[in-house]
């Protein structure tokens, strides 16, 4: 217990002697965590809202004109068994005529005198299959079924949604990695300043037979403390931004999806970032 108190005391004292560098590195850690958190927040909400467009994640299937009612039901049930199909609605000739009238504002029977529209189906897609590539694979699988004339979905919209989600995530990760590297360098430099200020003490501990681990622990704790301060700053900013977002979007009655484990993730990531940077610095010195 006395050793733990000693290590904590030494860490806090060292940070208090190098307040400005420690604050700069903590702020850098906070910016890193903030960018990662905002990218993750945007990604989760974009994924959530893209899944809300269930009508867009739907495959329309048209059977051959010569397919009868019973055969059409058999084809419909066969398609329901394909991996990725969540559920579906069978479209008979009356339903097809109603859809035709809704789209073109014309009655097909009045125009032609008969209803030549084929049977078909509308199929909803499981969440795990809601991307342009997987839906295209399902469409190709449906098209080879005997009795199916055509199968299609809103390719353009879904591809744009996929591209938007991947672009936001990619840009966030690239910026975050850049700032992550800067954070490692800044925290390492801060610890290095503290190490140089305490090199006489380190030399004394070495002469007294102290192990490398005993010398490392206070510096590792300093890195963790800087990470905790950085994660605390990032969480305060995130809480403010969250409140601002709810205030702005509240009048639009938009549902905002709260990412799971965002708080704990920030704290753990901040501690690990500070720990890694301090370990890098003290290990180089002790070599």
Protein backbone atom coordinates (compact mmCIF):
# COMPACT_ATOMS: atom_id res chain seq x y z
CA UNK A 1 0.00 0.00 0.00
CA UNK A 2 2.85 2.39 0.85
CA UNK A 3 4.42 1.72 -2.55
CA UNK A 4 1.18 2.58 -4.34
CA UNK A 5 0.89 5.84 -2.39
CA UNK A 6 4.55 6.61 -3.19
CA UNK A 7 4.06 5.99 -6.91
CA UNK A 8 0.89 8.11 -7.06
CA UNK A 9 2.49 10.94 -5.10
CA UNK A 10 5.56 10.96 -7.34
CA UNK A 11 3.40 10.98 -10.45
CA UNK A 12 1.26 13.89 -9.29
CA UNK A 13 4.34 15.86 -8.18
CA UNK A 14 6.04 15.31 -11.53
CA UNK A 15 2.97 16.50 -13.43
CA UNK A 16 2.63 19.59 -11.23
CA UNK A 17 6.25 20.53 -12.05
CA UNK A 18 5.55 20.28 -15.79
CA UNK A 19 2.06 21.77 -15.86
CA UNK A 20 2.11 23.43 -19.28
CA UNK A 21 3.58 20.47 -21.25
CA UNK A 22 1.29 18.09 -19.37
CA UNK A 23 -1.74 20.26 -20.16
CA UNK A 24 -0.77 20.47 -23.85
CA UNK A 25 -0.41 16.69 -24.13
CA UNK A 26 -3.71 16.15 -22.27
CA UNK A 27 -5.49 18.55 -24.63
CA UNK A 28 -3.97 16.72 -27.60
CA UNK A 29 -5.26 13.42 -26.22
CA UNK A 30 -8.67 15.07 -25.74
CA UNK A 31 -8.73 16.25 -29.37
CA UNK A 32 -7.79 12.75 -30.57
CA UNK A 33 -10.56 11.13 -28.52
CA UNK A 34 -13.02 13.83 -29.57
CA UNK A 35 -12.44 13.26 -33.28
CA UNK A 36 -12.68 9.48 -32.93
CA UNK A 37 -15.86 9.84 -30.84
CA UNK A 38 -17.52 12.25 -33.27
CA UNK A 39 -16.67 10.01 -36.24
CA UNK A 40 -18.08 7.01 -34.38
CA UNK A 41 -21.17 8.98 -33.33
CA UNK A 42 -21.81 10.07 -36.93
CA UNK A 43 -21.19 6.54 -38.21
CA UNK A 44 -23.63 4.92 -35.76
CA UNK A 45 -26.36 7.46 -36.54
CA UNK A 46 -25.86 7.21 -40.30
CA UNK A 47 -26.06 3.42 -40.11
CA UNK A 48 -29.17 3.71 -37.93
CA UNK A 49 -30.90 6.20 -40.23
CA UNK A 50 -29.95 4.28 -43.36
CA UNK A 51 -31.65 1.23 -41.86
CA UNK A 52 -34.78 3.31 -41.36
CA UNK A 53 -35.17 3.57 -45.14
CA UNK A 54 -36.71 0.10 -45.24
CA UNK A 55 -38.60 0.85 -48.44
CA UNK A 56 -35.32 1.61 -50.17
CA UNK A 57 -33.79 -1.65 -48.92
CA UNK A 58 -36.35 -3.68 -50.80
CA UNK A 59 -36.09 -5.93 -53.82
CA UNK A 60 -38.88 -5.89 -56.39
CA UNK A 61 -39.35 -9.19 -58.24
CA UNK A 62 -41.44 -9.71 -61.39
CA UNK A 63 -42.46 -13.18 -62.51
CA UNK A 64 -42.88 -14.28 -66.12
CA UNK A 65 -46.23 -13.26 -67.69
CA UNK A 66 -47.24 -16.89 -68.17
CA UNK A 67 -46.81 -17.75 -64.46
CA UNK A 68 -50.14 -18.73 -62.84
CA UNK A 69 -51.30 -17.81 -59.34
CA UNK A 70 -50.28 -21.08 -57.64
CA UNK A 71 -46.90 -21.16 -59.38
CA UNK A 72 -46.38 -17.53 -58.41
CA UNK A 73 -46.97 -18.39 -54.73
CA UNK A 74 -44.44 -21.22 -54.99
CA UNK A 75 -41.86 -18.87 -56.49
CA UNK A 76 -42.60 -16.29 -53.79
CA UNK A 77 -42.08 -18.84 -50.99
CA UNK A 78 -38.88 -20.08 -52.64
CA UNK A 79 -37.42 -16.57 -52.69
CA UNK A 80 -38.31 -16.11 -49.01
CA UNK A 81 -35.88 -18.95 -48.18
CA UNK A 82 -32.88 -17.11 -49.68
CA UNK A 83 -30.30 -15.85 -47.16
CA UNK A 84 -30.75 -12.12 -46.57
CA UNK A 85 -34.49 -12.02 -47.26
CA UNK A 86 -36.26 -10.86 -44.09
CA UNK A 87 -39.89 -10.92 -45.20
CA UNK A 88 -42.01 -10.21 -48.25
CA UNK A 89 -45.38 -9.36 -49.74
CA UNK A 90 -46.88 -11.33 -52.59
CA UNK A 91 -48.11 -9.04 -55.40
CA UNK A 92 -51.05 -10.45 -57.37
CA UNK A 93 -52.57 -8.90 -60.48
CA UNK A 94 -54.94 -6.67 -58.48
CA UNK A 95 -52.05 -5.38 -56.34
CA UNK A 96 -49.96 -4.78 -59.48
CA UNK A 97 -52.83 -2.82 -61.05
CA UNK A 98 -53.17 -0.71 -57.88
CA UNK A 99 -49.41 0.04 -57.93
CA UNK A 100 -49.64 0.95 -61.64
CA UNK A 101 -52.49 3.37 -60.92
CA UNK A 102 -50.61 4.93 -58.00
CA UNK A 103 -47.49 5.52 -60.09
CA UNK A 104 -49.04 6.56 -63.41
CA UNK A 105 -52.46 7.76 -62.18
CA UNK A 106 -54.06 5.56 -64.84
CA UNK A 107 -56.17 2.41 -64.68
CA UNK A 108 -54.45 -0.33 -66.70
CA UNK A 109 -57.77 -2.09 -67.43
CA UNK A 110 -59.28 1.13 -68.82
CA UNK A 111 -56.24 1.63 -71.06
CA UNK A 112 -55.82 -1.93 -72.35
CA UNK A 113 -59.12 -3.54 -71.50
CA UNK A 114 -57.38 -6.30 -69.60
CA UNK A 115 -54.82 -6.72 -66.82
CA UNK A 116 -51.60 -8.07 -68.38
CA UNK A 117 -49.45 -7.20 -65.35
CA UNK A 118 -47.50 -10.20 -64.00
CA UNK A 119 -47.42 -11.62 -60.48
CA UNK A 120 -44.46 -10.66 -58.35
CA UNK A 121 -43.23 -9.89 -54.89
CA UNK A 122 -41.66 -7.24 -52.67
CA UNK A 123 -38.96 -8.48 -50.32
CA UNK A 124 -37.45 -6.72 -47.29
CA UNK A 125 -33.75 -7.29 -46.56
CA UNK A 126 -32.12 -8.29 -43.26
CA UNK A 127 -30.01 -5.57 -41.61
CA UNK A 128 -26.80 -7.55 -42.09
CA UNK A 129 -27.37 -7.64 -45.86
CA UNK A 130 -28.28 -3.98 -46.42
CA UNK A 131 -25.48 -2.91 -48.75
CA UNK A 132 -25.32 -2.51 -52.51
CA UNK A 133 -22.94 -5.47 -52.97
CA UNK A 134 -24.88 -7.99 -50.85
CA UNK A 135 -28.24 -6.94 -52.30
CA UNK A 136 -26.82 -7.26 -55.80
CA UNK A 137 -25.77 -10.84 -54.94
CA UNK A 138 -29.30 -11.61 -53.74
CA UNK A 139 -30.77 -10.13 -56.93
CA UNK A 140 -28.47 -12.29 -59.08
CA UNK A 141 -29.53 -15.35 -57.08
CA UNK A 142 -33.22 -14.51 -57.62
CA UNK A 143 -32.81 -13.88 -61.36
CA UNK A 144 -31.60 -17.42 -62.09
CA UNK A 145 -34.76 -18.95 -60.59
CA UNK A 146 -36.94 -20.46 -63.29
CA UNK A 147 -40.10 -18.37 -63.67
CA UNK A 148 -38.53 -15.06 -62.57
CA UNK A 149 -38.53 -12.39 -65.27
CA UNK A 150 -36.62 -9.64 -63.44
CA UNK A 151 -35.47 -8.48 -59.99
CA UNK A 152 -34.25 -5.01 -59.09
CA UNK A 153 -33.66 -2.52 -56.28
CA UNK A 154 -32.76 1.17 -55.85
CA UNK A 155 -29.07 0.70 -56.64
CA UNK A 156 -28.13 4.37 -56.93
CA UNK A 157 -29.54 5.50 -53.58
CA UNK A 158 -28.13 2.58 -51.63
CA UNK A 159 -24.69 2.99 -53.20
CA UNK A 160 -24.72 6.69 -52.29
CA UNK A 161 -25.68 5.86 -48.70
CA UNK A 162 -22.92 3.24 -48.46
CA UNK A 163 -20.38 5.65 -49.93
CA UNK A 164 -21.40 8.45 -47.56
CA UNK A 165 -21.10 6.21 -44.50
CA UNK A 166 -17.73 4.81 -45.56
CA UNK A 167 -16.36 8.27 -46.46
CA UNK A 168 -17.30 9.79 -43.10
CA UNK A 169 -15.80 6.84 -41.25
CA UNK A 170 -12.65 6.87 -43.42
CA UNK A 171 -12.02 10.61 -43.05
CA UNK A 172 -12.60 10.41 -39.29
CA UNK A 173 -10.17 7.52 -38.94
CA UNK A 174 -7.47 9.21 -41.06
CA UNK A 175 -7.68 12.47 -39.10
CA UNK A 176 -7.82 10.54 -35.84
CA UNK A 177 -4.73 8.48 -36.69
CA UNK A 178 -2.81 11.64 -37.55
CA UNK A 179 -3.71 13.28 -34.26
CA UNK A 180 -3.13 9.96 -32.46
CA UNK A 181 0.50 9.98 -33.65
CA UNK A 182 0.87 13.62 -32.58
CA UNK A 183 -0.56 12.73 -29.16
CA UNK A 184 1.96 9.92 -28.73
CA UNK A 185 4.82 12.29 -29.59
CA UNK A 186 3.60 15.10 -27.30
CA UNK A 187 2.93 12.86 -24.31
CA UNK A 188 6.29 11.14 -24.85
CA UNK A 189 8.07 14.50 -24.93
CA UNK A 190 6.29 15.60 -21.76
CA UNK A 191 7.39 12.45 -19.93
CA UNK A 192 10.89 12.88 -21.35
CA UNK A 193 11.11 16.38 -19.85
CA UNK A 194 10.08 14.97 -16.50
CA UNK A 195 12.64 12.15 -16.87
CA UNK A 196 15.48 14.59 -17.56
CA UNK A 197 14.44 16.66 -14.55
CA UNK A 198 14.58 13.53 -12.37
CA UNK A 199 17.61 11.78 -13.86
CA UNK A 200 19.60 12.23 -10.64
CA UNK A 201 16.83 10.49 -8.68
CA UNK A 202 16.66 7.72 -11.29
CA UNK A 203 20.45 7.26 -11.01
CA UNK A 204 20.18 7.10 -7.21
CA UNK A 205 17.37 4.49 -7.41
CA UNK A 206 19.53 2.45 -9.81
CA UNK A 207 22.53 2.53 -7.42
CA UNK A 208 20.24 1.42 -4.58
CA UNK A 209 19.26 -1.63 -6.64
CA UNK A 210 15.83 -0.50 -7.85
CA UNK A 211 14.47 -2.55 -10.74
CA UNK A 212 13.53 -1.04 -14.09
CA UNK A 213 9.87 -1.71 -13.31
CA UNK A 214 10.12 0.25 -10.03
CA UNK A 215 11.57 3.21 -11.94
CA UNK A 216 9.02 2.91 -14.76
CA UNK A 217 5.84 2.78 -12.70
CA UNK A 218 5.66 6.49 -11.66
CA UNK A 219 6.19 7.59 -15.26
CA UNK A 220 3.60 5.12 -16.55
CA UNK A 221 1.14 6.48 -13.98
CA UNK A 222 1.90 10.00 -15.18
CA UNK A 223 0.94 8.95 -18.70
CA UNK A 224 -2.28 7.36 -17.44
CA UNK A 225 -3.13 10.52 -15.48
CA UNK A 226 -2.60 12.63 -18.60
CA UNK A 227 -4.86 10.23 -20.48
CA UNK A 228 -7.54 10.52 -17.79
CA UNK A 229 -7.38 14.32 -17.92
CA UNK A 230 -7.60 14.19 -21.73
CA UNK A 231 -10.59 11.81 -21.67
CA UNK A 232 -12.30 14.03 -19.07
CA UNK A 233 -11.86 17.09 -21.33
CA UNK A 234 -13.15 15.19 -24.37
CA UNK A 235 -16.20 13.92 -22.47
CA UNK A 236 -17.07 17.43 -21.25
CA UNK A 237 -16.91 18.72 -24.84
CA UNK A 238 -18.96 15.73 -26.07
CA UNK A 239 -21.65 16.38 -23.42
CA UNK A 240 -21.82 20.03 -24.53
CA UNK A 241 -22.03 19.07 -28.21
CA UNK A 242 -24.68 16.44 -27.44
CA UNK A 243 -26.82 19.01 -25.61
CA UNK A 244 -26.38 21.46 -28.49
CA UNK A 245 -27.34 18.77 -31.01
CA UNK A 246 -30.48 17.83 -29.07
CA UNK A 247 -31.40 21.51 -28.80
CA UNK A 248 -30.98 22.10 -32.56
CA UNK A 249 -32.67 18.89 -33.73
CA UNK A 250 -35.31 18.79 -30.98
CA UNK A 251 -37.80 20.82 -33.00
CA UNK A 252 -37.45 18.40 -35.93
CA UNK A 253 -38.32 15.42 -33.69
CA UNK A 254 -35.34 13.48 -34.98
CA UNK A 255 -34.24 10.43 -33.03
CA UNK A 256 -30.53 10.52 -32.16
CA UNK A 257 -28.91 7.13 -31.59
CA UNK A 258 -26.63 7.06 -28.56
CA UNK A 259 -23.49 4.96 -29.22
CA UNK A 260 -22.91 2.17 -26.71
CA UNK A 261 -19.92 2.44 -24.33
CA UNK A 262 -18.87 5.89 -25.58
CA UNK A 263 -17.94 7.13 -22.08
CA UNK A 264 -16.08 4.00 -21.00
CA UNK A 265 -14.42 3.80 -24.43
CA UNK A 266 -13.10 7.36 -24.07
CA UNK A 267 -11.70 6.69 -20.60
CA UNK A 268 -10.04 3.40 -21.58
CA UNK A 269 -8.65 4.82 -24.85
CA UNK A 270 -7.28 7.90 -23.05
CA UNK A 271 -5.53 5.80 -20.41
CA UNK A 272 -4.07 3.45 -23.02
CA UNK A 273 -2.89 6.37 -25.15
CA UNK A 274 -1.11 7.99 -22.19
CA UNK A 275 0.28 4.65 -21.02
CA UNK A 276 1.68 3.76 -24.44
CA UNK A 277 3.30 7.18 -24.90
CA UNK A 278 4.91 7.16 -21.44
CA UNK A 279 6.10 3.56 -21.87
CA UNK A 280 7.69 4.51 -25.19
CA UNK A 281 9.52 7.43 -23.61
CA UNK A 282 10.80 5.76 -20.42
CA UNK A 283 11.83 2.58 -22.27
CA UNK A 284 14.01 4.63 -24.67
CA UNK A 285 15.63 6.42 -21.72
CA UNK A 286 16.34 3.28 -19.70
CA UNK A 287 18.01 1.62 -22.69
